[in-house]
Amino acid sequence: MNRFPQYRVYVTFEAPFWRVRLGDFSNRGAADAAMAEVRRAIPSLGADLRVVRCTINNR
């Protein structure tokens, strides 16, 4: 949350995994760009990052 304050962060537990969802994106391109930004900032997470479609926050 501290490294990416421009995005809302959602943390959930779905046994047996903790899931961290980042941001509220209106299209795939914006989500891919954010994922690339996170991948550059934290390369060790690269293989674990995915873009998933879901309804997180209706504004």
C-alpha atoms as a PDB file:
ATOM      1  CA  MET A   1       0.000   0.000   0.000  1.00  0.00           C
ATOM      2  CA  ASN A   2       2.848   2.359   0.787  1.00  0.00           C
ATOM      3  CA  ARG A   3       4.656   1.731  -2.503  1.00  0.00           C
ATOM      4  CA  PHE A   4       1.587   2.312  -4.681  1.00  0.00           C
ATOM      5  CA  PRO A   5      -0.627   4.874  -2.912  1.00  0.00           C
ATOM      6  CA  GLN A   6      -2.352   5.773  -6.187  1.00  0.00           C
ATOM      7  CA  TYR A   7      -4.161   2.399  -6.176  1.00  0.00           C
ATOM      8  CA  ARG A   8      -6.685   0.974  -3.741  1.00  0.00           C
ATOM      9  CA  VAL A   9      -5.543  -2.318  -2.262  1.00  0.00           C
ATOM     10  CA  TYR A  10      -7.868  -5.195  -1.345  1.00  0.00           C
ATOM     11  CA  VAL A  11      -6.560  -8.073   0.780  1.00  0.00           C
ATOM     12  CA  THR A  12      -8.625 -11.247   1.195  1.00  0.00           C
ATOM     13  CA  PHE A  13      -8.037 -14.755   2.442  1.00  0.00           C
ATOM     14  CA  GLU A  14      -9.277 -17.545   0.156  1.00  0.00           C
ATOM     15  CA  ALA A  15      -7.979 -20.737   1.751  1.00  0.00           C
ATOM     16  CA  PRO A  16      -5.200 -21.608   1.538  1.00  0.00           C
ATOM     17  CA  PHE A  17      -4.037 -18.331  -0.047  1.00  0.00           C
ATOM     18  CA  TRP A  18      -3.955 -14.670   0.786  1.00  0.00           C
ATOM     19  CA  ARG A  19      -4.882 -12.604  -2.256  1.00  0.00           C
ATOM     20  CA  VAL A  20      -3.941  -8.997  -2.868  1.00  0.00           C
ATOM     21  CA  ARG A  21      -5.893  -7.107  -5.476  1.00  0.00           C
ATOM     22  CA  LEU A  22      -4.656  -3.743  -6.629  1.00  0.00           C
ATOM     23  CA  GLY A  23      -6.723  -0.966  -8.133  1.00  0.00           C
ATOM     24  CA  ASP A  24     -10.057  -0.391  -9.791  1.00  0.00           C
ATOM     25  CA  PHE A  25      -9.412  -0.428 -13.532  1.00  0.00           C
ATOM     26  CA  SER A  26     -12.033   0.195 -16.188  1.00  0.00           C
ATOM     27  CA  ASN A  27     -10.169  -1.678 -18.930  1.00  0.00           C
ATOM     28  CA  ARG A  28      -7.560  -4.356 -19.470  1.00  0.00           C
ATOM     29  CA  GLY A  29      -4.949  -1.932 -20.808  1.00  0.00           C
ATOM     30  CA  ALA A  30      -4.932   0.100 -17.590  1.00  0.00           C
ATOM     31  CA  ALA A  31      -4.673  -3.090 -15.507  1.00  0.00           C
ATOM     32  CA  ASP A  32      -1.795  -4.379 -17.648  1.00  0.00           C
ATOM     33  CA  ALA A  33       0.039  -1.056 -17.279  1.00  0.00           C
ATOM     34  CA  ALA A  34      -0.317  -1.159 -13.488  1.00  0.00           C
ATOM     35  CA  MET A  35       0.858  -4.768 -13.413  1.00  0.00           C
ATOM     36  CA  ALA A  36       3.940  -3.814 -15.437  1.00  0.00           C
ATOM     37  CA  GLU A  37       4.635  -0.988 -12.974  1.00  0.00           C
ATOM     38  CA  VAL A  38       4.428  -3.398 -10.016  1.00  0.00           C
ATOM     39  CA  ARG A  39       6.570  -5.954 -11.856  1.00  0.00           C
ATOM     40  CA  ARG A  40       9.289  -3.343 -12.435  1.00  0.00           C
ATOM     41  CA  ALA A  41       9.180  -2.182  -8.801  1.00  0.00           C
ATOM     42  CA  ILE A  42       9.105  -5.676  -7.262  1.00  0.00           C
ATOM     43  CA  PRO A  43      10.658  -8.135  -9.756  1.00  0.00           C
ATOM     44  CA  SER A  44      10.473 -11.090  -7.348  1.00  0.00           C
ATOM     45  CA  LEU A  45       6.657 -11.057  -7.685  1.00  0.00           C
ATOM     46  CA  GLY A  46       6.728 -11.243 -11.469  1.00  0.00           C
ATOM     47  CA  ALA A  47       5.675 -14.876 -11.874  1.00  0.00           C
ATOM     48  CA  ASP A  48       2.844 -14.528  -9.355  1.00  0.00           C
ATOM     49  CA  LEU A  49       1.140 -11.486 -10.855  1.00  0.00           C
ATOM     50  CA  ARG A  50      -2.089 -11.894 -12.830  1.00  0.00           C
ATOM     51  CA  VAL A  51      -4.796  -9.623 -14.146  1.00  0.00           C
ATOM     52  CA  VAL A  52      -8.195 -10.939 -13.081  1.00  0.00           C
ATOM     53  CA  ARG A  53     -11.597  -9.641 -14.034  1.00  0.00           C
ATOM     54  CA  CYS A  54     -13.877  -9.010 -11.092  1.00  0.00           C
ATOM     55  CA  THR A  55     -16.137  -6.359  -9.651  1.00  0.00           C
ATOM     56  CA  ILE A  56     -14.299  -4.787  -6.760  1.00  0.00           C
ATOM     57  CA  ASN A  57     -15.569  -1.282  -6.327  1.00  0.00           C
ATOM     58  CA  ASN A  58     -18.574   0.256  -8.056  1.00  0.00           C
ATOM     59  CA  ARG A  59     -18.282   4.013  -8.034  1.00  0.00           C
END
